[in-house]
Amino acid sequence: MPEERVQRRLAAILAADVVGYSAMMQRAEEATYAEFERLKRDLIAPSLSRHDGRLIKTTGDGALAEFASPLAAVRCATEMQDHLAEGSGPFKLRIGLNLGDVIVGQDGDLYGDGINIAVRLEGIADPGGILMSEKVYSEVEGKLDVGFEDRGEQQLKNISKPVRAYAVRAGAYSAPTERLSAAPPLADKLSIAIAVLPFENMSGDPEQEYFADGMVEEITTALSRFKWLIVIARNSSFTLKGKAVDVKEIGRRLGVRYILEGSVRKAAGKVRIAGQLIDAVTGALIWADRFERDLTDVFALQDEVTVAVVSAIQPKIIQTEIAMAARRRPENLTAYDFWLRAIQQSSLTTREGLAEAIRLACRALELDPGFGRAASLASVFHLSNVVLGYSTDPQFECEEAVRLSRLALRIDDGDPNTLARASLVSALVVGDSESALEMADRAVALNSNSFDAWSARGWVCRAAGLPQEAVRSFERGIRMSPIDPAMFAGMGMALVELRRFDEAIVAGRKAQRHNPSHPLAYLCLASAFAHLGRDAEAREAAARLLEVNPAVTISGWIAWGGQSNAQLVTDGLRKAGLPE
């Protein structure tokens, strides 16, 4: 019997998947299913038809399609993302594109690496983003009115050779009217640019170059998720590999303020990674550290060290920028300087500090109405004023928190920090836990190295009555900011709800040490001590709380703090003698 010939053809493949679909199904199964069916009917199918695409199949939360040309595939992908960016629906898509040889099955389905690469690229695309293989990029570059970002070579699961990937640059999906009126992306505003130079391989083994290069790739990708940072692409920074470098000259050549350089040494089953962050203008060393780990799982090790490095240098950059703003003469203040000073004032967590932070953030917004992160900061400062009991007009401040939060989202609803702060307002002011959890999850998905995202998720989960999830989120945030008193206080209150009172006291005391005037530290301690029957210590913590903020009451805590799910915390405060 003659062997049946396998049919093959060249095809452009589009793979799309809904971000966070499983979590949404858990929270609202029927509504999520119905919304996705509507999305397929009203958006995906018509877009495919307009661009001569053929739907291969749909999955529970995604779709796979074939196009005759890469240009048609990219146009369809950008049209779908453009539509979703304009709307207010719950879904964001990840889209992967590839051009490759495929096997045609008897049922019309397609198989092979041409399909698999598109699916794997979709899996690592940014939420709301499009990631394409180099084959697609080479066919469409210069033919579309969008920009592209080189993401370098990607080692995709079950694909033997690395695939060079290109992303459609963020911001390409705004509505046409928004493109004309919206302010430039914040990264352009702040002009905080950084280059990650190739790490030196000090192992004496040329074959270990891949590990050092992999570390740089991971760190570069992680830093690029902070939208206020401009991160120089790998293909530019790697032109300096193996060359003696002068950081000031590199700063001028690449147009960056900061340079991260380092080295990797592997020996005897261990790896030591050293890194240092340098101010490219002054040549000053801002941060340096080293990390030594057992060499077992290479990829897990790269992930671990990436989180450690990024978590260390991100706050250092902000601190350096704040210090520079403080040294500038008042007449040289800009919207960005006001924004930095607002952050500095808010860290004091005092009535006066928050009042000044609100003034500075609002001034930044006056100077630049498109400064979304200034609006976002101002919204959460108003919220903090209410939660901490400082406000003389809680109703007004809650309304301002909501107004400014919505303004920030209109300016940029793809910024993880903006989403994180909006989730707090949604949970604590609006009382919409479902929407708040969705925004917090999106913030974490957009940037898993963002302290603000994990912090917000902790507070949102706690307010939603999910203390175990709150503890997990606070723990992630504390890894990135180990001296933040609010994180420890939030964790302490979640631990009270879990009846882990001894651990709550440890967290509360850490919050107190990091800021002896932080009201939430004493609130946590008063409740935890009371539940353990340590009445004298509970009353002392309550008295200290009233010294810091004489206006705090249990009714205010419940009404304006969004604490209806914190029954054990409230019971402890009553036992400690806090006034009703």
Protein backbone atom coordinates (compact mmCIF):
# COMPACT_ATOMS: atom_id res chain seq x y z
CA MET A 1 0.00 0.00 0.00
CA PRO A 2 1.62 3.32 -1.03
CA GLU A 3 2.68 5.61 1.78
CA GLU A 4 0.35 8.61 2.16
CA ARG A 5 2.19 11.84 1.44
CA VAL A 6 2.26 14.39 4.26
CA GLN A 7 0.82 17.72 3.11
CA ARG A 8 2.79 20.81 4.15
CA ARG A 9 2.54 24.52 3.52
CA LEU A 10 4.00 27.82 4.68
CA ALA A 11 1.64 29.73 6.95
CA ALA A 12 1.53 32.77 9.22
CA ILE A 13 0.14 31.60 12.56
CA LEU A 14 -1.60 33.72 15.22
CA ALA A 15 -2.00 32.33 18.73
CA ALA A 16 -4.10 34.33 21.22
CA ASP A 17 -4.87 33.73 24.87
CA VAL A 18 -6.84 35.62 27.54
CA VAL A 19 -4.72 36.94 30.44
CA GLY A 20 -5.81 35.70 33.87
CA TYR A 21 -8.74 33.67 32.47
CA SER A 22 -8.56 30.92 35.11
CA ALA A 23 -8.66 33.40 37.99
CA MET A 24 -11.64 35.19 36.43
CA MET A 25 -13.44 31.86 35.96
CA GLN A 26 -12.91 31.03 39.62
CA ARG A 27 -14.44 34.34 40.68
CA ALA A 28 -17.35 34.51 38.19
CA GLU A 29 -17.56 31.41 36.03
CA GLU A 30 -20.76 32.01 34.07
CA ALA A 31 -20.15 35.72 33.49
CA THR A 32 -16.56 35.09 32.33
CA TYR A 33 -17.65 32.32 29.95
CA ALA A 34 -20.40 34.49 28.46
CA GLU A 35 -18.04 37.46 28.06
CA PHE A 36 -15.43 35.35 26.26
CA GLU A 37 -18.05 33.91 23.90
CA ARG A 38 -19.08 37.50 23.12
CA LEU A 39 -15.42 38.43 22.51
CA LYS A 40 -15.02 35.56 20.03
CA ARG A 41 -18.27 36.45 18.27
CA ASP A 42 -17.94 40.24 18.17
CA LEU A 43 -14.18 40.75 17.84
CA ILE A 44 -12.08 37.72 16.98
CA ALA A 45 -14.27 36.25 14.23
CA PRO A 46 -14.92 39.59 12.42
CA SER A 47 -11.21 40.54 12.62
CA LEU A 48 -10.18 37.22 11.13
CA SER A 49 -12.73 37.66 8.33
CA ARG A 50 -11.54 41.18 7.49
CA HIS A 51 -7.92 40.01 7.17
CA ASP A 52 -8.61 36.70 5.41
CA GLY A 53 -7.64 34.64 8.42
CA ARG A 54 -8.85 31.10 9.03
CA LEU A 55 -9.75 29.99 12.54
CA ILE A 56 -7.98 26.69 13.15
CA LYS A 57 -9.49 26.06 16.57
CA THR A 58 -10.47 27.68 19.83
CA THR A 59 -9.47 26.56 23.30
CA GLY A 60 -11.18 27.32 26.59
CA ASP A 61 -9.47 30.71 26.77
CA GLY A 62 -7.78 31.28 23.43
CA ALA A 63 -7.74 30.87 19.66
CA LEU A 64 -5.40 29.69 16.91
CA ALA A 65 -5.62 31.11 13.38
CA GLU A 66 -3.85 30.87 10.02
CA PHE A 67 -3.10 33.65 7.50
CA ALA A 68 -1.72 33.60 3.99
CA SER A 69 0.64 36.51 4.76
CA PRO A 70 2.50 37.73 7.87
CA LEU A 71 1.34 41.30 7.14
CA ALA A 72 -2.30 40.23 7.36
CA ALA A 73 -1.62 38.38 10.63
CA VAL A 74 0.03 41.42 12.24
CA ARG A 75 -2.72 43.76 11.05
CA CYS A 76 -5.35 41.45 12.52
CA ALA A 77 -3.45 41.20 15.81
CA THR A 78 -3.01 44.97 16.15
CA GLU A 79 -6.66 45.55 15.26
CA MET A 80 -7.80 43.21 18.04
CA GLN A 81 -5.45 44.72 20.62
CA ASP A 82 -6.43 48.22 19.48
CA HIS A 83 -10.09 47.41 20.05
CA LEU A 84 -9.46 45.94 23.51
CA ALA A 85 -7.29 48.91 24.52
CA GLU A 86 -10.10 51.33 23.60
CA GLY A 87 -12.79 49.46 25.51
CA SER A 88 -13.48 48.87 29.17
CA GLY A 89 -14.06 45.13 29.00
CA PRO A 90 -12.48 42.68 31.44
CA PHE A 91 -10.18 40.91 29.00
CA LYS A 92 -6.63 41.44 27.81
CA LEU A 93 -5.03 39.18 25.22
CA ARG A 94 -1.52 37.89 24.73
CA ILE A 95 -0.78 37.27 21.05
CA GLY A 96 2.09 35.30 19.48
CA LEU A 97 2.88 35.31 15.75
CA ASN A 98 5.11 33.03 13.68
CA LEU A 99 5.79 32.28 10.03
CA GLY A 100 6.73 28.66 9.41
CA ASP A 101 6.25 25.35 7.73
CA VAL A 102 3.20 23.45 9.01
CA ILE A 103 1.74 19.98 8.54
CA VAL A 104 -1.89 19.90 7.37
CA GLY A 105 -3.95 17.22 9.08
CA GLN A 106 -6.86 15.42 7.44
CA ASP A 107 -9.24 17.33 9.69
CA GLY A 108 -7.80 20.66 8.53
CA ASP A 109 -5.90 21.17 11.76
CA LEU A 110 -2.25 22.29 11.59
CA TYR A 111 0.74 20.79 13.37
CA GLY A 112 4.48 21.24 13.76
CA ASP A 113 6.97 23.82 15.03
CA GLY A 114 5.36 26.52 12.90
CA ILE A 115 2.37 26.27 15.25
CA ASN A 116 4.31 25.50 18.43
CA ILE A 117 6.55 28.58 18.16
CA ALA A 118 3.53 30.89 17.82
CA VAL A 119 1.95 29.32 20.91
CA ARG A 120 5.17 29.58 22.94
CA LEU A 121 5.66 33.23 21.92
CA GLU A 122 2.10 33.97 23.00
CA GLY A 123 2.90 32.47 26.40
CA ILE A 124 5.72 34.96 27.05
CA ALA A 125 4.11 38.00 25.42
CA ASP A 126 3.20 40.97 27.61
CA PRO A 127 -0.45 41.16 28.70
CA GLY A 128 -2.15 43.20 25.99
CA GLY A 129 0.93 42.75 23.80
CA ILE A 130 2.03 41.10 20.55
CA LEU A 131 5.26 39.07 20.29
CA MET A 132 6.44 37.79 16.91
CA SER A 133 9.27 35.68 15.58
CA GLU A 134 12.08 37.22 13.55
CA LYS A 135 10.61 35.63 10.40
CA VAL A 136 7.40 37.63 10.82
CA TYR A 137 9.29 40.79 11.77
CA SER A 138 11.49 40.64 8.65
CA GLU A 139 8.37 40.49 6.45
CA VAL A 140 6.47 43.39 8.06
CA GLU A 141 9.19 45.80 9.25
CA GLY A 142 8.70 49.20 7.61
CA LYS A 143 5.26 48.28 6.26
CA LEU A 144 3.16 49.18 9.30
CA ASP A 145 2.67 52.37 11.32
CA VAL A 146 3.85 50.76 14.57
CA GLY A 147 7.19 50.48 16.33
CA PHE A 148 8.96 47.29 17.29
CA GLU A 149 11.16 46.31 20.22
CA ASP A 150 13.88 43.67 19.88
CA ARG A 151 13.42 41.20 22.75
CA GLY A 152 16.49 39.17 21.79
CA GLU A 153 16.76 35.41 21.48
CA GLN A 154 14.21 33.42 23.48
CA GLN A 155 14.67 29.81 24.52
CA LEU A 156 11.16 28.46 24.09
CA LYS A 157 9.90 25.34 25.82
CA ASN A 158 10.26 22.19 23.66
CA ILE A 159 11.81 24.22 20.81
CA SER A 160 15.41 23.11 20.19
CA LYS A 161 16.87 26.37 18.86
CA PRO A 162 16.43 29.86 20.37
CA VAL A 163 13.97 32.11 18.53
CA ARG A 164 14.65 35.83 18.15
CA ALA A 165 11.51 37.73 19.13
CA TYR A 166 10.16 41.22 18.48
CA ALA A 167 7.34 42.95 20.33
CA VAL A 168 5.02 45.57 18.94
CA ARG A 169 6.05 48.56 21.03
CA ALA A 170 3.80 49.41 23.98
CA GLY A 171 1.40 52.27 23.27
CA ALA A 172 0.60 51.14 19.73
CA TYR A 173 -2.91 50.15 20.78
CA SER A 174 -4.36 53.46 21.95
CA ALA A 175 -7.52 54.68 20.30
CA PRO A 176 -6.87 57.14 17.44
CA THR A 177 -8.21 60.09 19.46
CA GLU A 178 -6.06 59.11 22.43
CA ARG A 179 -2.97 58.98 20.23
CA LEU A 180 -3.49 62.63 19.35
CA SER A 181 -4.30 63.93 22.82
CA ALA A 182 -2.59 61.65 25.35
CA ALA A 183 0.72 62.59 26.90
CA PRO A 184 3.85 60.62 25.92
CA PRO A 185 4.61 57.45 27.89
CA LEU A 186 5.92 58.16 31.37
CA ALA A 187 9.30 56.65 30.64
CA ASP A 188 9.92 59.43 28.12
CA LYS A 189 8.80 61.99 30.75
CA LEU A 190 11.09 60.77 33.47
CA SER A 191 14.08 60.02 31.24
CA ILE A 192 15.43 57.45 33.68
CA ALA A 193 17.46 55.28 31.34
CA ILE A 194 19.59 52.28 32.25
CA ALA A 195 21.86 49.91 30.36
CA VAL A 196 22.69 46.41 31.57
CA LEU A 197 26.17 45.60 30.31
CA PRO A 198 27.30 42.04 29.52
CA PHE A 199 28.40 40.29 32.72
CA GLU A 200 32.00 39.14 32.73
CA ASN A 201 32.50 35.38 32.76
CA MET A 202 35.18 34.75 35.38
CA SER A 203 34.79 30.97 35.44
CA GLY A 204 37.73 30.26 33.14
CA ASP A 205 35.34 28.19 31.03
CA PRO A 206 34.26 29.69 27.68
CA GLU A 207 31.26 27.36 27.61
CA GLN A 208 29.82 29.19 30.61
CA GLU A 209 29.32 32.35 28.57
CA TYR A 210 25.70 31.32 28.02
CA PHE A 211 25.01 31.49 31.74
CA ALA A 212 26.45 35.00 32.12
CA ASP A 213 24.59 36.17 28.99
CA GLY A 214 21.39 34.55 30.26
CA MET A 215 21.63 36.49 33.51
CA VAL A 216 21.88 39.78 31.61
CA GLU A 217 18.94 38.81 29.40
CA GLU A 218 16.76 37.98 32.42
CA ILE A 219 17.68 41.18 34.30
CA THR A 220 17.13 43.34 31.19
CA THR A 221 13.69 41.81 30.63
CA ALA A 222 12.70 42.22 34.28
CA LEU A 223 13.77 45.89 34.37
CA SER A 224 11.92 46.62 31.13
CA ARG A 225 8.63 45.86 32.92
CA PHE A 226 9.03 49.06 34.97
CA LYS A 227 7.34 51.53 32.64
CA TRP A 228 9.17 54.54 34.11
CA LEU A 229 12.53 53.01 33.10
CA ILE A 230 13.98 53.17 29.62
CA VAL A 231 16.05 49.98 29.30
CA ILE A 232 18.57 49.84 26.46
CA ALA A 233 18.00 46.79 24.29
CA ARG A 234 20.37 43.84 24.55
CA ASN A 235 21.59 44.18 20.96
CA SER A 236 22.98 47.65 21.78
CA SER A 237 24.55 46.88 25.16
CA PHE A 238 26.11 43.63 23.90
CA THR A 239 28.18 45.51 21.33
CA LEU A 240 30.38 46.35 24.34
CA LYS A 241 31.01 42.73 25.28
CA GLY A 242 34.65 41.95 25.94
CA LYS A 243 35.71 45.59 25.73
CA ALA A 244 37.28 47.78 28.39
CA VAL A 245 34.62 50.28 29.36
CA ASP A 246 34.49 53.79 30.73
CA VAL A 247 31.07 54.22 32.33
CA LYS A 248 30.85 57.95 31.62
CA GLU A 249 31.63 57.38 27.95
CA ILE A 250 29.09 54.53 27.75
CA GLY A 251 26.51 56.74 29.41
CA ARG A 252 27.03 59.40 26.76
CA ARG A 253 27.07 56.88 23.90
CA LEU A 254 23.94 55.01 24.97
CA GLY A 255 22.18 58.04 26.44
CA VAL A 256 21.65 56.51 29.87
CA ARG A 257 21.88 57.77 33.44
CA TYR A 258 22.55 54.40 35.08
CA ILE A 259 24.68 51.39 34.22
CA LEU A 260 24.46 47.94 35.75
CA GLU A 261 27.51 45.75 35.33
CA GLY A 262 28.60 42.52 36.94
CA SER A 263 30.46 39.24 36.80
CA VAL A 264 29.70 35.55 37.12
CA ARG A 265 32.05 32.95 38.60
CA LYS A 266 31.15 29.27 38.62
CA ALA A 267 33.18 26.65 40.44
CA ALA A 268 32.69 23.48 42.50
CA GLY A 269 28.93 23.37 42.08
CA LYS A 270 28.41 26.98 43.18
CA VAL A 271 27.95 30.25 41.37
CA ARG A 272 28.83 33.73 42.61
CA ILE A 273 27.24 36.70 40.88
CA ALA A 274 28.45 40.20 41.64
CA GLY A 275 26.70 43.34 40.46
CA GLN A 276 27.08 47.08 40.80
CA LEU A 277 24.92 50.02 39.79
CA ILE A 278 26.79 53.14 38.69
CA ASP A 279 25.72 56.71 38.02
CA ALA A 280 26.99 57.18 34.47
CA VAL A 281 27.09 60.98 34.81
CA THR A 282 29.19 61.21 37.97
CA GLY A 283 30.76 57.75 38.00
CA ALA A 284 29.56 57.25 41.59
CA LEU A 285 28.81 53.76 42.86
CA ILE A 286 25.14 53.63 43.94
CA TRP A 287 24.81 49.97 44.87
CA ALA A 288 26.92 46.82 44.94
CA ASP A 289 26.27 43.32 46.19
CA ARG A 290 27.06 39.70 45.48
CA PHE A 291 24.97 36.57 45.49
CA GLU A 292 26.27 33.05 46.01
CA ARG A 293 24.07 30.04 45.34
CA ASP A 294 24.31 26.31 44.79
CA LEU A 295 24.25 25.50 41.11
CA THR A 296 21.39 23.04 40.69
CA ASP A 297 18.63 24.28 38.40
CA VAL A 298 20.20 26.93 36.15
CA PHE A 299 16.92 28.56 35.13
CA ALA A 300 15.56 28.67 38.67
CA LEU A 301 18.86 30.21 39.78
CA GLN A 302 18.65 32.88 37.09
CA ASP A 303 15.10 33.73 38.18
CA GLU A 304 16.11 33.93 41.86
CA VAL A 305 19.10 36.19 41.26
CA THR A 306 17.15 38.36 38.81
CA VAL A 307 14.51 39.08 41.47
CA ALA A 308 17.25 39.83 44.03
CA VAL A 309 19.13 42.23 41.73
CA VAL A 310 16.06 44.03 40.36
CA SER A 311 14.49 44.32 43.80
CA ALA A 312 17.70 45.89 45.11
CA ILE A 313 18.43 48.41 42.37
CA GLN A 314 14.88 49.63 41.60
CA PRO A 315 14.44 51.47 44.94
CA LYS A 316 18.06 52.68 44.78
CA ILE A 317 17.33 54.44 41.49
CA ILE A 318 14.24 56.13 42.97
CA GLN A 319 16.20 57.19 46.09
CA THR A 320 18.97 58.65 43.91
CA GLU A 321 16.44 60.53 41.77
CA ILE A 322 14.74 61.94 44.90
CA ALA A 323 18.10 63.10 46.26
CA MET A 324 18.90 64.85 42.97
CA ALA A 325 15.49 66.56 42.97
CA ALA A 326 16.11 67.82 46.50
CA ARG A 327 19.38 69.43 45.38
CA ARG A 328 17.81 71.34 42.49
CA ARG A 329 16.92 75.01 42.97
CA PRO A 330 13.17 75.65 43.51
CA GLU A 331 12.86 77.64 40.30
CA ASN A 332 13.99 74.57 38.35
CA LEU A 333 11.19 72.37 39.65
CA THR A 334 9.31 70.37 37.02
CA ALA A 335 6.31 68.04 37.20
CA TYR A 336 8.71 65.14 37.60
CA ASP A 337 10.50 66.83 40.52
CA PHE A 338 7.20 67.50 42.25
CA TRP A 339 6.30 63.83 41.76
CA LEU A 340 9.57 62.69 43.36
CA ARG A 341 9.16 65.08 46.30
CA ALA A 342 5.61 63.80 46.81
CA ILE A 343 6.95 60.25 47.15
CA GLN A 344 9.51 61.45 49.69
CA GLN A 345 6.90 63.29 51.79
CA SER A 346 4.46 60.38 51.75
CA SER A 347 7.08 58.03 53.17
CA LEU A 348 6.90 59.99 56.47
CA THR A 349 3.32 58.69 56.97
CA THR A 350 2.43 61.72 59.10
CA ARG A 351 -0.57 64.02 58.80
CA GLU A 352 1.68 66.87 57.63
CA GLY A 353 3.68 64.62 55.30
CA LEU A 354 0.61 63.31 53.52
CA ALA A 355 -0.89 66.81 53.21
CA GLU A 356 2.33 68.00 51.56
CA ALA A 357 2.48 64.90 49.36
CA ILE A 358 -1.04 65.60 48.08
CA ARG A 359 -0.12 69.24 47.36
CA LEU A 360 3.03 68.21 45.44
CA ALA A 361 1.33 65.46 43.43
CA CYS A 362 -1.52 67.79 42.46
CA ARG A 363 0.99 70.47 41.48
CA ALA A 364 2.73 67.94 39.22
CA LEU A 365 -0.63 67.14 37.63
CA GLU A 366 -1.36 70.85 37.09
CA LEU A 367 1.95 71.26 35.28
CA ASP A 368 1.37 68.15 33.22
CA PRO A 369 -2.29 67.01 32.92
CA GLY A 370 -1.12 63.85 31.15
CA PHE A 371 1.06 62.74 34.05
CA GLY A 372 -0.93 59.63 34.95
CA ARG A 373 1.31 58.46 37.75
CA ALA A 374 0.97 61.80 39.52
CA ALA A 375 -2.82 61.37 39.45
CA SER A 376 -2.39 57.79 40.67
CA LEU A 377 -0.18 58.88 43.57
CA ALA A 378 -2.54 61.67 44.58
CA SER A 379 -5.46 59.23 44.66
CA VAL A 380 -3.70 56.85 47.03
CA PHE A 381 -2.51 59.74 49.24
CA HIS A 382 -6.14 60.83 49.70
CA LEU A 383 -7.00 57.21 50.52
CA SER A 384 -4.15 56.99 53.06
CA ASN A 385 -5.38 60.16 54.75
CA VAL A 386 -8.75 58.49 55.32
CA VAL A 387 -7.49 55.03 56.34
CA LEU A 388 -4.99 56.48 58.81
CA GLY A 389 -7.66 58.70 60.34
CA TYR A 390 -6.01 62.02 59.43
CA SER A 391 -8.81 63.36 57.24
CA THR A 392 -11.17 66.11 58.43
CA ASP A 393 -13.49 65.42 55.48
CA PRO A 394 -13.37 61.68 54.66
CA GLN A 395 -16.25 61.86 52.18
CA PHE A 396 -14.49 64.48 50.07
CA GLU A 397 -11.17 62.66 50.17
CA CYS A 398 -12.79 59.36 49.15
CA GLU A 399 -14.43 61.13 46.20
CA GLU A 400 -11.08 62.64 45.22
CA ALA A 401 -9.39 59.23 45.50
CA VAL A 402 -11.93 57.74 43.09
CA ARG A 403 -11.79 60.69 40.67
CA LEU A 404 -8.00 60.75 40.48
CA SER A 405 -7.78 56.96 40.23
CA ARG A 406 -10.14 56.95 37.25
CA LEU A 407 -8.21 59.80 35.65
CA ALA A 408 -4.95 57.84 36.01
CA LEU A 409 -6.53 54.76 34.41
CA ARG A 410 -7.84 56.84 31.49
CA ILE A 411 -4.32 58.14 30.89
CA ASP A 412 -2.65 54.72 31.10
CA ASP A 413 -4.51 51.57 32.18
CA GLY A 414 -1.53 49.40 31.27
CA ASP A 415 0.83 50.73 33.93
CA PRO A 416 1.16 48.15 36.74
CA ASN A 417 1.63 50.78 39.47
CA THR A 418 -1.44 52.70 38.33
CA LEU A 419 -3.46 49.47 38.32
CA ALA A 420 -2.13 48.57 41.76
CA ARG A 421 -3.18 51.89 43.29
CA ALA A 422 -6.53 51.79 41.51
CA SER A 423 -7.15 48.36 43.02
CA LEU A 424 -6.69 49.84 46.49
CA VAL A 425 -9.23 52.57 45.80
CA SER A 426 -11.65 50.03 44.35
CA ALA A 427 -11.34 47.75 47.39
CA LEU A 428 -11.23 50.30 50.20
CA VAL A 429 -13.44 53.11 48.89
CA VAL A 430 -15.74 51.70 46.22
CA GLY A 431 -16.05 48.34 47.98
CA ASP A 432 -15.77 46.37 44.73
CA SER A 433 -13.52 43.48 45.79
CA GLU A 434 -13.97 41.57 42.53
CA SER A 435 -12.80 44.46 40.36
CA ALA A 436 -10.02 45.27 42.83
CA LEU A 437 -8.69 41.70 42.76
CA GLU A 438 -8.77 41.70 38.97
CA MET A 439 -6.74 44.93 38.78
CA ALA A 440 -4.27 43.74 41.43
CA ASP A 441 -3.77 40.46 39.56
CA ARG A 442 -3.22 42.36 36.31
CA ALA A 443 -0.65 44.59 38.01
CA VAL A 444 1.29 41.56 39.25
CA ALA A 445 1.03 39.88 35.83
CA LEU A 446 2.39 43.00 34.12
CA ASN A 447 5.35 43.27 36.49
CA SER A 448 6.01 40.50 38.97
CA ASN A 449 8.98 42.49 40.30
CA SER A 450 6.87 45.49 41.32
CA PHE A 451 6.77 46.15 45.05
CA ASP A 452 3.71 48.38 44.59
CA ALA A 453 1.83 45.61 42.78
CA TRP A 454 2.42 42.99 45.49
CA SER A 455 1.76 45.50 48.28
CA ALA A 456 -1.56 46.51 46.75
CA ARG A 457 -2.53 42.89 46.19
CA GLY A 458 -1.85 42.19 49.87
CA TRP A 459 -4.14 45.00 51.06
CA VAL A 460 -6.82 44.11 48.51
CA CYS A 461 -6.82 40.43 49.52
CA ARG A 462 -6.98 41.40 53.18
CA ALA A 463 -9.92 43.73 52.57
CA ALA A 464 -11.62 41.01 50.51
CA GLY A 465 -11.42 38.53 53.39
CA LEU A 466 -8.56 36.47 51.91
CA PRO A 467 -5.92 36.72 54.68
CA GLN A 468 -3.84 33.76 53.51
CA GLU A 469 -3.48 35.28 50.02
CA ALA A 470 -2.73 38.61 51.68
CA VAL A 471 0.15 37.10 53.66
CA ARG A 472 1.58 35.52 50.50
CA SER A 473 1.47 38.86 48.67
CA PHE A 474 2.98 40.80 51.57
CA GLU A 475 5.79 38.25 51.80
CA ARG A 476 6.61 38.80 48.12
CA GLY A 477 6.54 42.57 48.64
CA ILE A 478 8.78 42.40 51.71
CA ARG A 479 11.39 40.52 49.68
CA MET A 480 11.57 43.60 47.46
CA SER A 481 11.25 46.26 50.18
CA PRO A 482 12.36 44.72 53.49
CA ILE A 483 12.07 47.95 55.50
CA ASP A 484 8.55 49.08 54.59
CA PRO A 485 6.46 49.49 57.77
CA ALA A 486 3.07 49.38 56.02
CA MET A 487 3.89 45.97 54.54
CA PHE A 488 4.70 44.49 57.94
CA ALA A 489 1.61 46.11 59.51
CA GLY A 490 -0.62 44.77 56.72
CA MET A 491 0.87 41.31 57.12
CA GLY A 492 0.39 41.54 60.88
CA MET A 493 -3.32 42.30 60.50
CA ALA A 494 -3.73 39.42 58.03
CA LEU A 495 -1.99 37.14 60.54
CA VAL A 496 -4.43 38.27 63.25
CA GLU A 497 -7.31 37.17 61.00
CA LEU A 498 -5.56 33.78 60.68
CA ARG A 499 -5.27 33.60 64.50
CA ARG A 500 -1.48 33.55 64.23
CA PHE A 501 -1.19 36.16 66.95
CA ASP A 502 2.45 35.60 67.95
CA GLU A 503 3.57 36.03 64.34
CA ALA A 504 1.37 39.13 64.06
CA ILE A 505 3.22 40.68 67.00
CA VAL A 506 6.58 39.99 65.34
CA ALA A 507 5.34 41.72 62.16
CA GLY A 508 3.87 44.64 64.12
CA ARG A 509 7.10 45.20 66.02
CA LYS A 510 9.07 45.23 62.77
CA ALA A 511 6.68 47.87 61.42
CA GLN A 512 7.17 49.87 64.63
CA ARG A 513 10.97 49.65 64.39
CA HIS A 514 10.98 50.86 60.80
CA ASN A 515 8.64 53.77 61.62
CA PRO A 516 7.82 54.47 65.30
CA SER A 517 5.04 56.88 64.22
CA HIS A 518 3.18 54.53 61.88
CA PRO A 519 -0.43 54.18 63.15
CA LEU A 520 -1.02 50.76 61.61
CA ALA A 521 1.92 49.26 63.50
CA TYR A 522 0.25 50.04 66.84
CA LEU A 523 -3.16 49.02 65.56
CA CYS A 524 -1.78 45.59 64.66
CA LEU A 525 0.02 45.24 67.99
CA ALA A 526 -2.97 46.34 70.09
CA SER A 527 -5.23 43.75 68.47
CA ALA A 528 -2.73 40.87 68.58
CA PHE A 529 -1.76 41.49 72.22
CA ALA A 530 -5.43 41.67 73.24
CA HIS A 531 -6.22 38.31 71.65
CA LEU A 532 -3.35 36.70 73.58
CA GLY A 533 -4.63 38.14 76.86
CA ARG A 534 -1.59 40.40 77.23
CA ASP A 535 -3.86 43.23 78.34
CA ALA A 536 -1.23 45.67 79.61
CA GLU A 537 0.73 45.53 76.35
CA ALA A 538 -2.51 45.80 74.36
CA ARG A 539 -3.56 48.94 76.24
CA GLU A 540 -0.07 50.41 75.86
CA ALA A 541 -0.18 49.86 72.07
CA ALA A 542 -3.67 51.40 71.89
CA ALA A 543 -2.47 54.41 73.91
CA ARG A 544 0.50 54.82 71.58
CA LEU A 545 -1.85 54.65 68.61
CA LEU A 546 -3.95 57.46 70.08
CA GLU A 547 -0.80 59.53 70.69
CA VAL A 548 0.12 59.20 67.02
CA ASN A 549 -3.45 59.86 65.89
CA PRO A 550 -5.90 61.05 68.59
CA ALA A 551 -8.86 60.93 66.17
CA VAL A 552 -8.75 57.19 65.45
CA THR A 553 -11.86 55.22 66.46
CA ILE A 554 -13.20 51.74 65.79
CA SER A 555 -16.19 53.09 63.87
CA GLY A 556 -13.90 55.20 61.68
CA TRP A 557 -11.65 52.21 61.11
CA ILE A 558 -14.61 50.12 59.93
CA ALA A 559 -16.39 52.81 57.92
CA TRP A 560 -13.49 54.41 56.06
CA GLY A 561 -10.81 51.75 56.18
CA GLY A 562 -12.80 49.14 54.29
CA GLN A 563 -12.22 46.70 57.15
CA SER A 564 -15.57 44.90 57.20
CA ASN A 565 -13.77 41.59 56.63
CA ALA A 566 -11.34 42.16 59.52
CA GLN A 567 -13.58 41.02 62.36
CA LEU A 568 -10.80 39.57 64.54
CA VAL A 569 -8.70 42.74 64.21
CA THR A 570 -11.72 44.82 65.23
CA ASP A 571 -12.54 42.54 68.17
CA GLY A 572 -8.96 42.85 69.40
CA LEU A 573 -9.07 46.64 69.18
CA ARG A 574 -12.22 46.68 71.33
CA LYS A 575 -10.52 44.47 73.91
CA ALA A 576 -7.52 46.83 73.90
CA GLY A 577 -9.79 49.75 74.81
CA LEU A 578 -9.78 51.74 71.57
CA PRO A 579 -12.74 54.16 71.63
CA GLU A 580 -15.79 53.32 69.56
